[in-house]
Amino acid sequence: MAKNELNCANIQKNIPKFINRQMKDDEIMAFTEHVRNCPECYEELSIEYLIVVDMNKLDDVDGFNLDNELNRLIDKSRERVENRKRMFGLKVFLAFVLTMFAAYVIAYLIFW
């Protein structure tokens, strides 16, 4: 139980970093996974998000749904991480292809 409390304390301490998009990719994934599975941390995220969110949204009570907003924030954060991972894989593949092409051109020029 103490380990979970420590984890929750760490998660709750980092809520402002999450809201302000100041986390690294691995931190985002761990944070969002924990918040999705911990009602206490989700509630704390809700409270802090309400403090930070544009208060104009709160004026339009019918148009603002806190759970939808938080889930959208969590989903978008995870999506950005996954997109960066895919782009990194694509960059590595392209670098490999270009390296192989350059090696082929050099070998062709040397041996022909």
Protein backbone atom coordinates (compact mmCIF):
# COMPACT_ATOMS: atom_id res chain seq x y z
CA MET A 1 0.00 0.00 0.00
CA ALA A 2 2.84 2.41 0.79
CA LYS A 3 4.30 1.90 -2.68
CA ASN A 4 0.95 2.80 -4.28
CA GLU A 5 0.61 5.87 -2.06
CA LEU A 6 4.11 6.96 -3.04
CA ASN A 7 3.24 6.39 -6.67
CA CYS A 8 0.02 8.38 -6.25
CA ALA A 9 1.92 11.17 -4.51
CA ASN A 10 4.39 11.28 -7.39
CA ILE A 11 1.60 11.23 -9.97
CA GLN A 12 -0.32 14.00 -8.22
CA LYS A 13 2.83 16.09 -7.88
CA ASN A 14 3.27 15.87 -11.66
CA ILE A 15 -0.27 16.83 -12.66
CA PRO A 16 0.74 20.44 -13.53
CA LYS A 17 3.53 19.11 -15.76
CA PHE A 18 1.00 16.93 -17.57
CA ILE A 19 -1.57 19.69 -18.01
CA ASN A 20 1.10 22.09 -19.28
CA ARG A 21 2.59 19.46 -21.64
CA GLN A 22 5.98 19.45 -19.95
CA MET A 23 6.41 15.68 -19.65
CA LYS A 24 8.65 13.35 -21.62
CA ASP A 25 7.03 10.59 -23.64
CA ASP A 26 7.72 7.81 -21.15
CA GLU A 27 6.38 9.99 -18.32
CA ILE A 28 3.18 10.68 -20.29
CA MET A 29 2.54 6.99 -20.87
CA ALA A 30 3.12 6.04 -17.22
CA PHE A 31 1.11 9.03 -15.96
CA THR A 32 -1.90 8.43 -18.21
CA GLU A 33 -1.89 4.69 -17.50
CA HIS A 34 -1.92 5.37 -13.76
CA VAL A 35 -4.58 8.09 -13.92
CA ARG A 36 -6.87 5.90 -16.01
CA ASN A 37 -6.71 3.17 -13.34
CA CYS A 38 -6.66 5.24 -10.14
CA PRO A 39 -9.88 7.04 -9.19
CA GLU A 40 -8.12 9.19 -6.57
CA CYS A 41 -5.52 10.50 -9.02
CA TYR A 42 -8.16 10.98 -11.72
CA GLU A 43 -10.18 13.08 -9.29
CA GLU A 44 -7.10 15.17 -8.41
CA LEU A 45 -6.39 15.63 -12.11
CA SER A 46 -10.01 16.76 -12.55
CA ILE A 47 -9.68 19.36 -9.81
CA GLU A 48 -6.38 20.75 -11.06
CA TYR A 49 -7.58 20.72 -14.67
CA LEU A 50 -10.61 22.79 -13.67
CA ILE A 51 -8.30 25.34 -12.06
CA VAL A 52 -6.16 25.63 -15.18
CA VAL A 53 -8.79 25.25 -17.93
CA ASP A 54 -10.15 28.32 -19.63
CA MET A 55 -12.88 29.57 -17.28
CA ASN A 56 -14.95 30.67 -20.29
CA LYS A 57 -15.70 27.00 -20.94
CA LEU A 58 -17.23 26.75 -17.49
CA ASP A 59 -19.70 29.55 -18.28
CA ASP A 60 -21.25 27.35 -20.96
CA VAL A 61 -22.44 24.63 -18.57
CA ASP A 62 -24.25 22.69 -21.30
CA GLY A 63 -21.17 22.62 -23.55
CA PHE A 64 -18.57 21.60 -20.97
CA ASN A 65 -18.18 18.01 -19.84
CA LEU A 66 -15.21 17.51 -17.53
CA ASP A 67 -14.88 13.77 -18.11
CA ASN A 68 -14.93 14.27 -21.88
CA GLU A 69 -12.34 17.05 -21.64
CA LEU A 70 -10.01 14.98 -19.43
CA ASN A 71 -10.37 11.87 -21.56
CA ARG A 72 -9.65 13.94 -24.66
CA LEU A 73 -6.54 15.40 -22.98
CA ILE A 74 -5.33 11.93 -21.94
CA ASP A 75 -6.07 10.41 -25.36
CA LYS A 76 -4.39 13.26 -27.27
CA SER A 77 -1.31 13.04 -25.03
CA ARG A 78 -0.98 9.31 -25.64
CA GLU A 79 -1.63 9.80 -29.36
CA ARG A 80 1.20 12.37 -29.60
CA VAL A 81 3.59 9.90 -27.96
CA GLU A 82 2.55 7.09 -30.32
CA ASN A 83 2.90 9.40 -33.34
CA ARG A 84 6.42 10.39 -32.28
CA LYS A 85 7.32 6.71 -31.90
CA ARG A 86 6.01 5.95 -35.40
CA MET A 87 7.87 8.91 -36.87
CA PHE A 88 11.08 7.81 -35.17
CA GLY A 89 10.70 4.33 -36.68
CA LEU A 90 10.11 5.86 -40.10
CA LYS A 91 13.20 8.06 -39.75
CA VAL A 92 15.33 5.06 -38.79
CA PHE A 93 14.02 3.09 -41.78
CA LEU A 94 14.67 5.99 -44.18
CA ALA A 95 18.17 6.47 -42.79
CA PHE A 96 18.86 2.77 -43.36
CA VAL A 97 17.55 2.91 -46.94
CA LEU A 98 19.59 6.02 -47.73
CA THR A 99 22.70 4.46 -46.20
CA MET A 100 22.25 1.32 -48.28
CA PHE A 101 21.68 3.40 -51.41
CA ALA A 102 24.81 5.46 -50.71
CA ALA A 103 26.83 2.27 -50.16
CA TYR A 104 25.53 0.89 -53.45
CA VAL A 105 26.47 4.09 -55.32
CA ILE A 106 29.94 4.14 -53.79
CA ALA A 107 30.50 0.45 -54.57
CA TYR A 108 29.27 1.00 -58.13
CA LEU A 109 31.63 3.96 -58.62
CA ILE A 110 34.60 2.10 -57.17
CA PHE A 111 34.14 -1.25 -58.91
CA TRP A 112 32.84 -0.22 -62.33
